[in-house]
All heavy atoms as atom14 arrays in JSON, in Angstrom:
{
  "sequence": "READGCFAWSINGGDDVGTQFSESAYEIECDAMESLMDVL",
  "atom14_mask": [
    [1, 1, 1, 1, 1, 1, 1, 1, 1, 1, 1, 0, 0, 0],
    [1, 1, 1, 1, 1, 1, 1, 1, 1, 0, 0, 0, 0, 0],
    [1, 1, 1, 1, 1, 0, 0, 0, 0, 0, 0, 0, 0, 0],
    [1, 1, 1, 1, 1, 1, 1, 1, 0, 0, 0, 0, 0, 0],
    [1, 1, 1, 1, 0, 0, 0, 0, 0, 0, 0, 0, 0, 0],
    [1, 1, 1, 1, 1, 1, 0, 0, 0, 0, 0, 0, 0, 0],
    [1, 1, 1, 1, 1, 1, 1, 1, 1, 1, 1, 0, 0, 0],
    [1, 1, 1, 1, 1, 0, 0, 0, 0, 0, 0, 0, 0, 0],
    [1, 1, 1, 1, 1, 1, 1, 1, 1, 1, 1, 1, 1, 1],
    [1, 1, 1, 1, 1, 1, 0, 0, 0, 0, 0, 0, 0, 0],
    [1, 1, 1, 1, 1, 1, 1, 1, 0, 0, 0, 0, 0, 0],
    [1, 1, 1, 1, 1, 1, 1, 1, 0, 0, 0, 0, 0, 0],
    [1, 1, 1, 1, 0, 0, 0, 0, 0, 0, 0, 0, 0, 0],
    [1, 1, 1, 1, 0, 0, 0, 0, 0, 0, 0, 0, 0, 0],
    [1, 1, 1, 1, 1, 1, 1, 1, 0, 0, 0, 0, 0, 0],
    [1, 1, 1, 1, 1, 1, 1, 1, 0, 0, 0, 0, 0, 0],
    [1, 1, 1, 1, 1, 1, 1, 0, 0, 0, 0, 0, 0, 0],
    [1, 1, 1, 1, 0, 0, 0, 0, 0, 0, 0, 0, 0, 0],
    [1, 1, 1, 1, 1, 1, 1, 0, 0, 0, 0, 0, 0, 0],
    [1, 1, 1, 1, 1, 1, 1, 1, 1, 0, 0, 0, 0, 0],
    [1, 1, 1, 1, 1, 1, 1, 1, 1, 1, 1, 0, 0, 0],
    [1, 1, 1, 1, 1, 1, 0, 0, 0, 0, 0, 0, 0, 0],
    [1, 1, 1, 1, 1, 1, 1, 1, 1, 0, 0, 0, 0, 0],
    [1, 1, 1, 1, 1, 1, 0, 0, 0, 0, 0, 0, 0, 0],
    [1, 1, 1, 1, 1, 0, 0, 0, 0, 0, 0, 0, 0, 0],
    [1, 1, 1, 1, 1, 1, 1, 1, 1, 1, 1, 1, 0, 0],
    [1, 1, 1, 1, 1, 1, 1, 1, 1, 0, 0, 0, 0, 0],
    [1, 1, 1, 1, 1, 1, 1, 1, 0, 0, 0, 0, 0, 0],
    [1, 1, 1, 1, 1, 1, 1, 1, 1, 0, 0, 0, 0, 0],
    [1, 1, 1, 1, 1, 1, 0, 0, 0, 0, 0, 0, 0, 0],
    [1, 1, 1, 1, 1, 1, 1, 1, 0, 0, 0, 0, 0, 0],
    [1, 1, 1, 1, 1, 0, 0, 0, 0, 0, 0, 0, 0, 0],
    [1, 1, 1, 1, 1, 1, 1, 1, 0, 0, 0, 0, 0, 0],
    [1, 1, 1, 1, 1, 1, 1, 1, 1, 0, 0, 0, 0, 0],
    [1, 1, 1, 1, 1, 1, 0, 0, 0, 0, 0, 0, 0, 0],
    [1, 1, 1, 1, 1, 1, 1, 1, 0, 0, 0, 0, 0, 0],
    [1, 1, 1, 1, 1, 1, 1, 1, 0, 0, 0, 0, 0, 0],
    [1, 1, 1, 1, 1, 1, 1, 1, 0, 0, 0, 0, 0, 0],
    [1, 1, 1, 1, 1, 1, 1, 0, 0, 0, 0, 0, 0, 0],
    [1, 1, 1, 1, 1, 1, 1, 1, 0, 0, 0, 0, 0, 0]
  ],
  "atom14_positions": [
    [[0.84, -1.19, 0.0], [0.0, 0.0, 0.0], [0.88, 1.25, 0.0], [1.87, 1.32, 0.72], [-0.92, 0.0, 1.22], [-1.8, -1.21, 1.25], [-2.83, -1.25, 2.33], [-2.43, -0.69, 3.6], [-3.15, -0.81, 4.71], [-4.29, -1.47, 4.69], [-2.74, -0.28, 5.84], [0.0, 0.0, 0.0], [0.0, 0.0, 0.0], [0.0, 0.0, 0.0]],
    [[0.49, 2.23, -0.81], [1.27, 3.46, -0.89], [1.15, 4.3, 0.37], [2.1, 4.95, 0.78], [0.83, 4.28, -2.1], [1.23, 3.69, -3.42], [0.83, 4.56, -4.59], [0.59, 5.77, -4.39], [0.76, 4.03, -5.7], [0.0, 0.0, 0.0], [0.0, 0.0, 0.0], [0.0, 0.0, 0.0], [0.0, 0.0, 0.0], [0.0, 0.0, 0.0]],
    [[0.0, 4.27, 1.0], [-0.27, 5.15, 2.15], [0.66, 4.87, 3.32], [1.19, 5.8, 3.94], [-1.72, 5.01, 2.59], [0.0, 0.0, 0.0], [0.0, 0.0, 0.0], [0.0, 0.0, 0.0], [0.0, 0.0, 0.0], [0.0, 0.0, 0.0], [0.0, 0.0, 0.0], [0.0, 0.0, 0.0], [0.0, 0.0, 0.0], [0.0, 0.0, 0.0]],
    [[0.86, 3.6, 3.64], [1.66, 3.28, 4.84], [2.79, 2.3, 4.58], [3.54, 1.96, 5.5], [0.75, 2.75, 5.95], [-0.04, 1.51, 5.53], [0.23, 0.96, 4.45], [-0.93, 1.11, 6.3], [0.0, 0.0, 0.0], [0.0, 0.0, 0.0], [0.0, 0.0, 0.0], [0.0, 0.0, 0.0], [0.0, 0.0, 0.0], [0.0, 0.0, 0.0]],
    [[2.93, 1.8, 3.37], [4.01, 0.88, 3.04], [3.77, -0.56, 3.5], [4.61, -1.42, 3.3], [0.0, 0.0, 0.0], [0.0, 0.0, 0.0], [0.0, 0.0, 0.0], [0.0, 0.0, 0.0], [0.0, 0.0, 0.0], [0.0, 0.0, 0.0], [0.0, 0.0, 0.0], [0.0, 0.0, 0.0], [0.0, 0.0, 0.0], [0.0, 0.0, 0.0]],
    [[2.62, -0.8, 4.11], [2.29, -2.16, 4.55], [1.76, -2.97, 3.36], [1.39, -2.42, 2.34], [1.24, -2.12, 5.66], [1.88, -1.47, 7.21], [0.0, 0.0, 0.0], [0.0, 0.0, 0.0], [0.0, 0.0, 0.0], [0.0, 0.0, 0.0], [0.0, 0.0, 0.0], [0.0, 0.0, 0.0], [0.0, 0.0, 0.0], [0.0, 0.0, 0.0]],
    [[1.74, -4.28, 3.53], [1.27, -5.16, 2.48], [-0.17, -5.59, 2.75], [-0.62, -5.65, 3.9], [2.17, -6.4, 2.38], [3.54, -6.07, 1.88], [4.55, -5.72, 2.76], [3.81, -6.07, 0.52], [5.81, -5.4, 2.3], [5.07, -5.73, 0.05], [6.08, -5.41, 0.94], [0.0, 0.0, 0.0], [0.0, 0.0, 0.0], [0.0, 0.0, 0.0]],
    [[-0.89, -5.89, 1.68], [-2.27, -6.35, 1.75], [-2.5, -7.27, 0.56], [-1.61, -7.46, -0.27], [-3.23, -5.17, 1.72], [0.0, 0.0, 0.0], [0.0, 0.0, 0.0], [0.0, 0.0, 0.0], [0.0, 0.0, 0.0], [0.0, 0.0, 0.0], [0.0, 0.0, 0.0], [0.0, 0.0, 0.0], [0.0, 0.0, 0.0], [0.0, 0.0, 0.0]],
    [[-3.69, -7.85, 0.47], [-4.03, -8.71, -0.67], [-5.41, -8.36, -1.18], [-6.21, -7.74, -0.49], [-3.93, -10.19, -0.31], [-4.71, -10.62, 0.9], [-4.2, -10.88, 2.14], [-6.12, -10.85, 1.01], [-5.2, -11.24, 3.0], [-6.4, -11.25, 2.33], [-7.18, -10.76, 0.11], [-7.69, -11.54, 2.77], [-8.47, -11.06, 0.56], [-8.7, -11.45, 1.87]],
    [[-5.67, -8.79, -2.41], [-7.01, -8.64, -2.99], [-7.33, -9.89, -3.8], [-6.44, -10.57, -4.3], [-7.11, -7.4, -3.87], [-6.31, -7.54, -5.03], [0.0, 0.0, 0.0], [0.0, 0.0, 0.0], [0.0, 0.0, 0.0], [0.0, 0.0, 0.0], [0.0, 0.0, 0.0], [0.0, 0.0, 0.0], [0.0, 0.0, 0.0], [0.0, 0.0, 0.0]],
    [[-8.63, -10.17, -3.88], [-9.15, -11.26, -4.7], [-10.15, -10.62, -5.65], [-11.13, -10.02, -5.21], [-9.84, -12.33, -3.83], [-8.86, -12.89, -2.8], [-10.41, -13.44, -4.71], [-9.52, -13.79, -1.75], [0.0, 0.0, 0.0], [0.0, 0.0, 0.0], [0.0, 0.0, 0.0], [0.0, 0.0, 0.0], [0.0, 0.0, 0.0], [0.0, 0.0, 0.0]],
    [[-9.9, -10.73, -6.96], [-10.72, -10.06, -7.97], [-11.47, -11.07, -8.82], [-10.88, -12.03, -9.29], [-9.83, -9.23, -8.9], [-8.95, -8.27, -8.15], [-9.42, -7.57, -7.29], [-7.68, -8.26, -8.47], [0.0, 0.0, 0.0], [0.0, 0.0, 0.0], [0.0, 0.0, 0.0], [0.0, 0.0, 0.0], [0.0, 0.0, 0.0], [0.0, 0.0, 0.0]],
    [[-12.76, -10.82, -9.02], [-13.54, -11.61, -9.95], [-14.2, -12.83, -9.33], [-14.0, -13.15, -8.16], [0.0, 0.0, 0.0], [0.0, 0.0, 0.0], [0.0, 0.0, 0.0], [0.0, 0.0, 0.0], [0.0, 0.0, 0.0], [0.0, 0.0, 0.0], [0.0, 0.0, 0.0], [0.0, 0.0, 0.0], [0.0, 0.0, 0.0], [0.0, 0.0, 0.0]],
    [[-15.0, -13.49, -10.15], [-15.69, -14.7, -9.72], [-16.92, -14.42, -8.9], [-16.94, -13.53, -8.06], [0.0, 0.0, 0.0], [0.0, 0.0, 0.0], [0.0, 0.0, 0.0], [0.0, 0.0, 0.0], [0.0, 0.0, 0.0], [0.0, 0.0, 0.0], [0.0, 0.0, 0.0], [0.0, 0.0, 0.0], [0.0, 0.0, 0.0], [0.0, 0.0, 0.0]],
    [[-17.97, -15.16, -9.14], [-19.19, -15.16, -8.35], [-19.84, -13.78, -8.16], [-20.56, -13.57, -7.2], [-18.97, -15.78, -6.97], [-18.57, -17.24, -7.06], [-18.73, -17.84, -8.14], [-18.11, -17.77, -6.05], [0.0, 0.0, 0.0], [0.0, 0.0, 0.0], [0.0, 0.0, 0.0], [0.0, 0.0, 0.0], [0.0, 0.0, 0.0], [0.0, 0.0, 0.0]],
    [[-19.59, -12.84, -9.03], [-20.21, -11.51, -8.95], [-20.05, -10.85, -7.58], [-20.89, -10.05, -7.17], [-21.7, -11.58, -9.32], [-21.9, -12.06, -10.75], [-21.07, -11.71, -11.6], [-22.89, -12.76, -11.01], [0.0, 0.0, 0.0], [0.0, 0.0, 0.0], [0.0, 0.0, 0.0], [0.0, 0.0, 0.0], [0.0, 0.0, 0.0], [0.0, 0.0, 0.0]],
    [[-19.0, -11.19, -6.86], [-18.77, -10.64, -5.54], [-18.01, -9.32, -5.63], [-18.05, -8.5, -4.73], [-17.98, -11.65, -4.66], [-17.64, -11.06, -3.31], [-18.75, -12.93, -4.51], [0.0, 0.0, 0.0], [0.0, 0.0, 0.0], [0.0, 0.0, 0.0], [0.0, 0.0, 0.0], [0.0, 0.0, 0.0], [0.0, 0.0, 0.0], [0.0, 0.0, 0.0]],
    [[-17.33, -9.1, -6.72], [-16.5, -7.92, -6.85], [-15.11, -8.21, -6.31], [-14.64, -9.33, -6.35], [0.0, 0.0, 0.0], [0.0, 0.0, 0.0], [0.0, 0.0, 0.0], [0.0, 0.0, 0.0], [0.0, 0.0, 0.0], [0.0, 0.0, 0.0], [0.0, 0.0, 0.0], [0.0, 0.0, 0.0], [0.0, 0.0, 0.0], [0.0, 0.0, 0.0]],
    [[-14.47, -7.19, -5.8], [-13.12, -7.34, -5.27], [-13.15, -7.39, -3.75], [-13.8, -6.58, -3.11], [-12.23, -6.16, -5.72], [-12.22, -6.11, -7.15], [-10.82, -6.31, -5.21], [0.0, 0.0, 0.0], [0.0, 0.0, 0.0], [0.0, 0.0, 0.0], [0.0, 0.0, 0.0], [0.0, 0.0, 0.0], [0.0, 0.0, 0.0], [0.0, 0.0, 0.0]],
    [[-12.46, -8.38, -3.21], [-12.35, -8.52, -1.76], [-10.93, -8.13, -1.36], [-9.96, -8.59, -1.97], [-12.62, -9.98, -1.38], [-12.46, -10.27, 0.1], [-12.64, -11.76, 0.41], [-13.0, -12.56, -0.45], [-12.38, -12.11, 1.64], [0.0, 0.0, 0.0], [0.0, 0.0, 0.0], [0.0, 0.0, 0.0], [0.0, 0.0, 0.0], [0.0, 0.0, 0.0]],
    [[-10.81, -7.28, -0.35], [-9.51, -6.84, 0.15], [-9.28, -7.39, 1.55], [-10.22, -7.62, 2.3], [-9.42, -5.31, 0.2], [-9.36, -4.67, -1.16], [-10.51, -4.24, -1.79], [-8.15, -4.51, -1.81], [-10.47, -3.65, -3.05], [-8.09, -3.92, -3.07], [-9.25, -3.49, -3.68], [0.0, 0.0, 0.0], [0.0, 0.0, 0.0], [0.0, 0.0, 0.0]],
    [[-8.01, -7.55, 1.9], [-7.68, -7.99, 3.25], [-8.12, -6.92, 4.24], [-8.07, -5.73, 3.95], [-6.17, -8.25, 3.39], [-5.42, -7.11, 3.04], [0.0, 0.0, 0.0], [0.0, 0.0, 0.0], [0.0, 0.0, 0.0], [0.0, 0.0, 0.0], [0.0, 0.0, 0.0], [0.0, 0.0, 0.0], [0.0, 0.0, 0.0], [0.0, 0.0, 0.0]],
    [[-8.56, -7.36, 5.39], [-8.99, -6.43, 6.42], [-7.81, -5.89, 7.22], [-7.9, -4.86, 7.86], [-9.98, -7.12, 7.37], [-11.28, -7.49, 6.67], [-12.24, -8.22, 7.59], [-11.95, -8.35, 8.8], [-13.28, -8.68, 7.09], [0.0, 0.0, 0.0], [0.0, 0.0, 0.0], [0.0, 0.0, 0.0], [0.0, 0.0, 0.0], [0.0, 0.0, 0.0]],
    [[-6.7, -6.63, 7.18], [-5.51, -6.25, 7.94], [-4.41, -5.78, 7.0], [-4.42, -6.06, 5.82], [-5.0, -7.43, 8.75], [-5.97, -7.88, 9.65], [0.0, 0.0, 0.0], [0.0, 0.0, 0.0], [0.0, 0.0, 0.0], [0.0, 0.0, 0.0], [0.0, 0.0, 0.0], [0.0, 0.0, 0.0], [0.0, 0.0, 0.0], [0.0, 0.0, 0.0]],
    [[-3.44, -5.09, 7.58], [-2.22, -4.71, 6.88], [-1.08, -5.53, 7.48], [-1.11, -5.86, 8.67], [-1.95, -3.22, 7.06], [0.0, 0.0, 0.0], [0.0, 0.0, 0.0], [0.0, 0.0, 0.0], [0.0, 0.0, 0.0], [0.0, 0.0, 0.0], [0.0, 0.0, 0.0], [0.0, 0.0, 0.0], [0.0, 0.0, 0.0], [0.0, 0.0, 0.0]],
    [[-0.09, -5.85, 6.67], [0.99, -6.73, 7.1], [2.33, -6.04, 6.88], [2.54, -5.41, 5.84], [0.93, -8.05, 6.32], [-0.42, -8.72, 6.49], [-1.45, -8.47, 5.58], [-0.68, -9.54, 7.56], [-2.7, -9.04, 5.74], [-1.93, -10.11, 7.74], [-2.93, -9.86, 6.82], [-4.17, -10.43, 6.99], [0.0, 0.0, 0.0], [0.0, 0.0, 0.0]],
    [[3.2, -6.18, 7.84], [4.52, -5.54, 7.77], [5.39, -6.12, 6.66], [6.17, -5.4, 6.05], [5.25, -5.67, 9.11], [4.62, -4.87, 10.23], [4.78, -3.38, 10.04], [5.85, -2.93, 9.59], [3.81, -2.65, 10.33], [0.0, 0.0, 0.0], [0.0, 0.0, 0.0], [0.0, 0.0, 0.0], [0.0, 0.0, 0.0], [0.0, 0.0, 0.0]],
    [[5.26, -7.43, 6.42], [6.08, -8.06, 5.4], [5.19, -8.81, 4.4], [4.11, -9.27, 4.73], [7.15, -9.01, 6.0], [6.53, -10.05, 6.9], [8.21, -8.21, 6.75], [7.53, -11.05, 7.46], [0.0, 0.0, 0.0], [0.0, 0.0, 0.0], [0.0, 0.0, 0.0], [0.0, 0.0, 0.0], [0.0, 0.0, 0.0], [0.0, 0.0, 0.0]],
    [[5.69, -8.9, 3.19], [4.94, -9.49, 2.08], [4.52, -10.93, 2.35], [3.4, -11.34, 2.03], [5.8, -9.41, 0.82], [5.11, -9.75, -0.45], [6.02, -9.52, -1.64], [7.1, -10.15, -1.71], [5.65, -8.7, -2.5], [0.0, 0.0, 0.0], [0.0, 0.0, 0.0], [0.0, 0.0, 0.0], [0.0, 0.0, 0.0], [0.0, 0.0, 0.0]],
    [[5.41, -11.72, 2.95], [5.07, -13.13, 3.17], [3.94, -13.31, 4.17], [3.16, -14.26, 4.07], [6.3, -13.96, 3.54], [7.05, -13.53, 5.09], [0.0, 0.0, 0.0], [0.0, 0.0, 0.0], [0.0, 0.0, 0.0], [0.0, 0.0, 0.0], [0.0, 0.0, 0.0], [0.0, 0.0, 0.0], [0.0, 0.0, 0.0], [0.0, 0.0, 0.0]],
    [[3.76, -12.38, 5.1], [2.62, -12.46, 6.03], [1.31, -12.22, 5.29], [0.3, -12.87, 5.57], [2.77, -11.46, 7.17], [3.84, -11.87, 8.17], [4.29, -13.03, 8.15], [4.23, -11.01, 9.0], [0.0, 0.0, 0.0], [0.0, 0.0, 0.0], [0.0, 0.0, 0.0], [0.0, 0.0, 0.0], [0.0, 0.0, 0.0], [0.0, 0.0, 0.0]],
    [[1.31, -11.29, 4.34], [0.13, -11.05, 3.53], [-0.18, -12.28, 2.69], [-1.34, -12.67, 2.54], [0.32, -9.82, 2.64], [0.0, 0.0, 0.0], [0.0, 0.0, 0.0], [0.0, 0.0, 0.0], [0.0, 0.0, 0.0], [0.0, 0.0, 0.0], [0.0, 0.0, 0.0], [0.0, 0.0, 0.0], [0.0, 0.0, 0.0], [0.0, 0.0, 0.0]],
    [[0.86, -12.92, 2.14], [0.67, -14.14, 1.35], [0.07, -15.26, 2.2], [-0.84, -15.97, 1.77], [2.01, -14.59, 0.76], [1.94, -15.89, -0.01], [1.12, -15.77, -1.6], [2.38, -14.95, -2.53], [0.0, 0.0, 0.0], [0.0, 0.0, 0.0], [0.0, 0.0, 0.0], [0.0, 0.0, 0.0], [0.0, 0.0, 0.0], [0.0, 0.0, 0.0]],
    [[0.57, -15.43, 3.42], [0.04, -16.46, 4.33], [-1.43, -16.2, 4.63], [-2.25, -17.13, 4.64], [0.84, -16.49, 5.63], [2.24, -17.05, 5.49], [2.27, -18.55, 5.27], [1.38, -19.25, 5.79], [3.19, -19.01, 4.59], [0.0, 0.0, 0.0], [0.0, 0.0, 0.0], [0.0, 0.0, 0.0], [0.0, 0.0, 0.0], [0.0, 0.0, 0.0]],
    [[-1.79, -14.95, 4.87], [-3.18, -14.6, 5.13], [-4.06, -14.91, 3.92], [-5.16, -15.45, 4.07], [-3.28, -13.12, 5.49], [-4.62, -12.72, 5.57], [0.0, 0.0, 0.0], [0.0, 0.0, 0.0], [0.0, 0.0, 0.0], [0.0, 0.0, 0.0], [0.0, 0.0, 0.0], [0.0, 0.0, 0.0], [0.0, 0.0, 0.0], [0.0, 0.0, 0.0]],
    [[-3.58, -14.58, 2.73], [-4.32, -14.86, 1.51], [-4.55, -16.37, 1.37], [-5.66, -16.81, 1.06], [-3.56, -14.32, 0.3], [-4.15, -14.65, -1.07], [-5.54, -14.07, -1.23], [-3.21, -14.14, -2.17], [0.0, 0.0, 0.0], [0.0, 0.0, 0.0], [0.0, 0.0, 0.0], [0.0, 0.0, 0.0], [0.0, 0.0, 0.0], [0.0, 0.0, 0.0]],
    [[-3.53, -17.17, 1.62], [-3.68, -18.62, 1.53], [-4.69, -19.14, 2.55], [-5.46, -20.06, 2.24], [-2.32, -19.31, 1.7], [-1.43, -19.15, 0.48], [0.07, -20.15, 0.55], [1.14, -19.14, 1.54], [0.0, 0.0, 0.0], [0.0, 0.0, 0.0], [0.0, 0.0, 0.0], [0.0, 0.0, 0.0], [0.0, 0.0, 0.0], [0.0, 0.0, 0.0]],
    [[-4.71, -18.55, 3.72], [-5.69, -18.95, 4.74], [-7.12, -18.67, 4.27], [-8.01, -19.51, 4.42], [-5.44, -18.23, 6.07], [-4.18, -18.7, 6.77], [-3.67, -19.8, 6.44], [-3.7, -17.97, 7.66], [0.0, 0.0, 0.0], [0.0, 0.0, 0.0], [0.0, 0.0, 0.0], [0.0, 0.0, 0.0], [0.0, 0.0, 0.0], [0.0, 0.0, 0.0]],
    [[-7.33, -17.49, 3.69], [-8.67, -17.11, 3.22], [-9.12, -18.03, 2.08], [-10.3, -18.4, 2.0], [-8.68, -15.63, 2.76], [-9.94, -15.29, 2.01], [-8.52, -14.72, 3.96], [0.0, 0.0, 0.0], [0.0, 0.0, 0.0], [0.0, 0.0, 0.0], [0.0, 0.0, 0.0], [0.0, 0.0, 0.0], [0.0, 0.0, 0.0], [0.0, 0.0, 0.0]],
    [[-8.19, -18.43, 1.24], [-8.51, -19.3, 0.09], [-8.5, -20.79, 0.48], [-8.74, -21.63, -0.37], [-7.53, -19.05, -1.06], [-7.57, -17.67, -1.68], [-6.42, -17.5, -2.67], [-8.91, -17.42, -2.36], [0.0, 0.0, 0.0], [0.0, 0.0, 0.0], [0.0, 0.0, 0.0], [0.0, 0.0, 0.0], [0.0, 0.0, 0.0], [0.0, 0.0, 0.0]]
  ]
}
């Protein structure tokens, strides 16, 4: 994210849900990736 430099994730498309964004911000990229894998 440009605003604070933290990492986040998004899921785009499918099931007419639109775009889903992570609710949390993560200090490092791999933590955001782990969170994304948990959600999926």
